[in-house]
C-alpha atoms as a PDB file:
ATOM      1  CA  MET A   1     -72.619 -31.061  42.650  1.00  0.00           C
ATOM      2  CA  LEU A   2     -74.957 -28.331  43.700  1.00  0.00           C
ATOM      3  CA  ALA A   3     -72.365 -25.601  43.182  1.00  0.00           C
ATOM      4  CA  HIS A   4     -72.190 -26.575  39.500  1.00  0.00           C
ATOM      5  CA  LYS A   5     -75.986 -26.644  39.195  1.00  0.00           C
ATOM      6  CA  PHE A   6     -76.355 -23.254  40.912  1.00  0.00           C
ATOM      7  CA  THR A   7     -73.834 -21.782  38.488  1.00  0.00           C
ATOM      8  CA  HIS A   8     -75.875 -22.668  35.380  1.00  0.00           C
ATOM      9  CA  PRO A   9     -78.706 -20.167  36.104  1.00  0.00           C
ATOM     10  CA  TYR A  10     -76.136 -17.496  36.951  1.00  0.00           C
ATOM     11  CA  LEU A  11     -74.495 -17.938  33.548  1.00  0.00           C
ATOM     12  CA  VAL A  12     -77.848 -18.077  31.750  1.00  0.00           C
ATOM     13  CA  ARG A  13     -79.112 -14.879  33.399  1.00  0.00           C
ATOM     14  CA  ARG A  14     -75.954 -13.064  32.355  1.00  0.00           C
ATOM     15  CA  GLY A  15     -76.066 -14.317  28.770  1.00  0.00           C
ATOM     16  CA  HIS A  16     -73.009 -16.591  28.985  1.00  0.00           C
ATOM     17  CA  GLN A  17     -75.007 -19.782  28.480  1.00  0.00           C
ATOM     18  CA  THR A  18     -78.217 -20.676  26.670  1.00  0.00           C
ATOM     19  CA  LEU A  19     -80.684 -23.312  27.733  1.00  0.00           C
ATOM     20  CA  ARG A  20     -81.866 -25.291  24.750  1.00  0.00           C
ATOM     21  CA  ASP A  21     -85.063 -27.295  24.478  1.00  0.00           C
ATOM     22  CA  ALA A  22     -84.334 -30.922  23.638  1.00  0.00           C
ATOM     23  CA  GLY A  23     -87.690 -31.302  21.898  1.00  0.00           C
ATOM     24  CA  THR A  24     -89.700 -33.131  24.570  1.00  0.00           C
ATOM     25  CA  ALA A  25     -93.278 -34.289  24.204  1.00  0.00           C
ATOM     26  CA  ALA A  26     -95.969 -31.717  25.015  1.00  0.00           C
ATOM     27  CA  THR A  27     -97.279 -33.965  27.795  1.00  0.00           C
ATOM     28  CA  GLY A  28     -94.159 -33.556  29.928  1.00  0.00           C
ATOM     29  CA  PRO A  29     -94.186 -31.222  32.924  1.00  0.00           C
ATOM     30  CA  ALA A  30     -91.451 -29.034  31.464  1.00  0.00           C
ATOM     31  CA  PRO A  31     -89.070 -29.101  28.512  1.00  0.00           C
ATOM     32  CA  VAL A  32     -85.928 -31.112  29.050  1.00  0.00           C
ATOM     33  CA  VAL A  33     -82.771 -29.127  28.525  1.00  0.00           C
ATOM     34  CA  SER A  34     -80.327 -30.670  26.118  1.00  0.00           C
ATOM     35  CA  ARG A  35     -76.848 -31.506  27.327  1.00  0.00           C
ATOM     36  CA  LEU A  36     -74.447 -28.612  26.994  1.00  0.00           C
ATOM     37  CA  SER A  37     -71.167 -29.028  25.178  1.00  0.00           C
ATOM     38  CA  ASP A  38     -68.106 -30.061  27.159  1.00  0.00           C
ATOM     39  CA  ALA A  39     -66.676 -26.555  26.674  1.00  0.00           C
ATOM     40  CA  GLU A  40     -69.820 -25.029  28.218  1.00  0.00           C
ATOM     41  CA  GLU A  41     -69.698 -27.474  31.124  1.00  0.00           C
ATOM     42  CA  ILE A  42     -66.012 -26.699  31.752  1.00  0.00           C
ATOM     43  CA  ARG A  43     -66.841 -22.994  31.686  1.00  0.00           C
ATOM     44  CA  THR A  44     -69.498 -23.745  34.322  1.00  0.00           C
ATOM     45  CA  GLU A  45     -66.932 -25.560  36.491  1.00  0.00           C
ATOM     46  CA  VAL A  46     -64.535 -22.595  36.299  1.00  0.00           C
ATOM     47  CA  ALA A  47     -67.340 -20.121  36.966  1.00  0.00           C
ATOM     48  CA  SER A  48     -68.410 -22.058  40.075  1.00  0.00           C
ATOM     49  CA  VAL A  49     -64.929 -21.519  41.521  1.00  0.00           C
ATOM     50  CA  LEU A  50     -64.998 -17.833  40.517  1.00  0.00           C
ATOM     51  CA  LEU A  51     -68.369 -17.444  42.257  1.00  0.00           C
ATOM     52  CA  GLY A  52     -66.853 -18.581  45.541  1.00  0.00           C
ATOM     53  CA  PHE A  53     -67.722 -22.274  45.517  1.00  0.00           C
ATOM     54  CA  GLY A  54     -64.084 -23.305  45.028  1.00  0.00           C
ATOM     55  CA  ARG A  55     -63.474 -24.882  48.417  1.00  0.00           C
ATOM     56  CA  LEU A  56     -66.762 -26.763  48.258  1.00  0.00           C
ATOM     57  CA  VAL A  57     -66.066 -27.940  44.702  1.00  0.00           C
ATOM     58  CA  LEU A  58     -62.482 -29.013  45.406  1.00  0.00           C
ATOM     59  CA  ASN A  59     -63.533 -30.923  48.535  1.00  0.00           C
ATOM     60  CA  GLY A  60     -66.287 -32.647  46.549  1.00  0.00           C
ATOM     61  CA  VAL A  61     -64.190 -33.736  43.586  1.00  0.00           C
ATOM     62  CA  CYS A  62     -61.353 -34.906  45.827  1.00  0.00           C
ATOM     63  CA  ASP A  63     -63.656 -36.850  48.159  1.00  0.00           C
ATOM     64  CA  TYR A  64     -65.236 -38.527  45.143  1.00  0.00           C
ATOM     65  CA  ALA A  65     -61.834 -39.444  43.662  1.00  0.00           C
ATOM     66  CA  ARG A  66     -60.341 -40.650  46.982  1.00  0.00           C
ATOM     67  CA  PRO A  67     -61.698 -44.249  46.921  1.00  0.00           C
ATOM     68  CA  TYR A  68     -60.126 -44.717  43.483  1.00  0.00           C
ATOM     69  CA  ALA A  69     -56.705 -43.297  44.388  1.00  0.00           C
ATOM     70  CA  GLY A  70     -53.948 -45.840  43.923  1.00  0.00           C
ATOM     71  CA  THR A  71     -56.226 -48.446  42.317  1.00  0.00           C
ATOM     72  CA  GLY A  72     -55.573 -47.495  38.711  1.00  0.00           C
ATOM     73  CA  ILE A  73     -59.306 -46.876  38.303  1.00  0.00           C
ATOM     74  CA  THR A  74     -60.311 -43.388  37.274  1.00  0.00           C
ATOM     75  CA  GLY A  75     -63.065 -41.881  39.368  1.00  0.00           C
ATOM     76  CA  GLN A  76     -63.976 -38.380  38.310  1.00  0.00           C
ATOM     77  CA  LEU A  77     -66.747 -36.050  39.387  1.00  0.00           C
ATOM     78  CA  GLY A  78     -67.312 -33.097  37.105  1.00  0.00           C
ATOM     79  CA  TYR A  79     -65.860 -32.153  33.754  1.00  0.00           C
ATOM     80  CA  LEU A  80     -62.289 -31.552  34.906  1.00  0.00           C
ATOM     81  CA  PRO A  81     -59.878 -34.042  36.471  1.00  0.00           C
ATOM     82  CA  VAL A  82     -58.691 -33.249  40.019  1.00  0.00           C
ATOM     83  CA  PRO A  83     -55.495 -31.517  38.779  1.00  0.00           C
ATOM     84  CA  GLY A  84     -57.662 -29.266  36.603  1.00  0.00           C
ATOM     85  CA  PHE A  85     -59.832 -28.249  39.545  1.00  0.00           C
ATOM     86  CA  VAL A  86     -56.719 -27.682  41.660  1.00  0.00           C
ATOM     87  CA  HIS A  87     -55.244 -25.453  38.950  1.00  0.00           C
ATOM     88  CA  VAL A  88     -58.417 -23.355  38.707  1.00  0.00           C
ATOM     89  CA  TYR A  89     -58.714 -23.138  42.518  1.00  0.00           C
ATOM     90  CA  ARG A  90     -55.082 -22.058  42.883  1.00  0.00           C
ATOM     91  CA  ARG A  91     -55.289 -19.523  40.057  1.00  0.00           C
ATOM     92  CA  VAL A  92     -58.516 -17.923  41.305  1.00  0.00           C
ATOM     93  CA  ASN A  93     -57.093 -17.645  44.816  1.00  0.00           C
ATOM     94  CA  GLU A  94     -53.836 -16.221  43.467  1.00  0.00           C
ATOM     95  CA  LEU A  95     -55.713 -13.605  41.429  1.00  0.00           C
ATOM     96  CA  ALA A  96     -57.825 -12.721  44.474  1.00  0.00           C
ATOM     97  CA  GLY A  97     -54.722 -12.316  46.653  1.00  0.00           C
ATOM     98  CA  VAL A  98     -55.535 -15.308  48.858  1.00  0.00           C
ATOM     99  CA  SER A  99     -52.439 -16.947  50.329  1.00  0.00           C
ATOM    100  CA  PRO A 100     -51.888 -20.687  49.753  1.00  0.00           C
ATOM    101  CA  ALA A 101     -52.284 -21.273  53.516  1.00  0.00           C
ATOM    102  CA  ALA A 102     -55.624 -19.456  53.583  1.00  0.00           C
ATOM    103  CA  ALA A 103     -56.753 -21.277  50.432  1.00  0.00           C
ATOM    104  CA  ALA A 104     -55.942 -24.625  52.087  1.00  0.00           C
ATOM    105  CA  HIS A 105     -57.987 -23.771  55.193  1.00  0.00           C
ATOM    106  CA  GLY A 106     -61.187 -25.804  55.287  1.00  0.00           C
ATOM    107  CA  LEU A 107     -60.085 -28.337  52.695  1.00  0.00           C
ATOM    108  CA  THR A 108     -60.463 -32.021  53.473  1.00  0.00           C
ATOM    109  CA  ASP A 109     -57.251 -33.995  53.985  1.00  0.00           C
ATOM    110  CA  PHE A 110     -57.407 -35.413  50.463  1.00  0.00           C
ATOM    111  CA  ALA A 111     -58.145 -31.980  48.962  1.00  0.00           C
ATOM    112  CA  GLN A 112     -55.220 -30.498  50.923  1.00  0.00           C
ATOM    113  CA  GLN A 113     -52.946 -33.212  49.538  1.00  0.00           C
ATOM    114  CA  ALA A 114     -54.160 -32.447  46.018  1.00  0.00           C
ATOM    115  CA  HIS A 115     -53.757 -28.706  46.656  1.00  0.00           C
ATOM    116  CA  THR A 116     -50.086 -29.165  47.579  1.00  0.00           C
ATOM    117  CA  GLN A 117     -49.230 -31.454  44.622  1.00  0.00           C
ATOM    118  CA  PRO A 118     -46.967 -29.884  41.988  1.00  0.00           C
ATOM    119  CA  TYR A 119     -49.265 -29.892  38.944  1.00  0.00           C
ATOM    120  CA  ASN A 120     -48.263 -28.171  35.714  1.00  0.00           C
END
């Protein structure tokens, strides 16, 4: 998900995330960044929605999960399950004063279905 990847440098530049060298060999083209903690990755997911990528992110996670729907197999893209992304998307839109109808505009059919589900 490009939105997620674009959010990492934003967070780093503002001091909310630190890139850490994983200790690569000196012969490599560039240091490999170690994996961030799950909490840092979840923060990145939330920040991507706050930065305006919410519709893109929700469409992506829902389209990825769609083939698995109803099969009992869990297919998840990102660090949050679909209901988690929906919650963040709804909350950000609510805080920004965006109506549910406007927030649903441009969502794929599967993302619209997820957006209208009653999640806690």
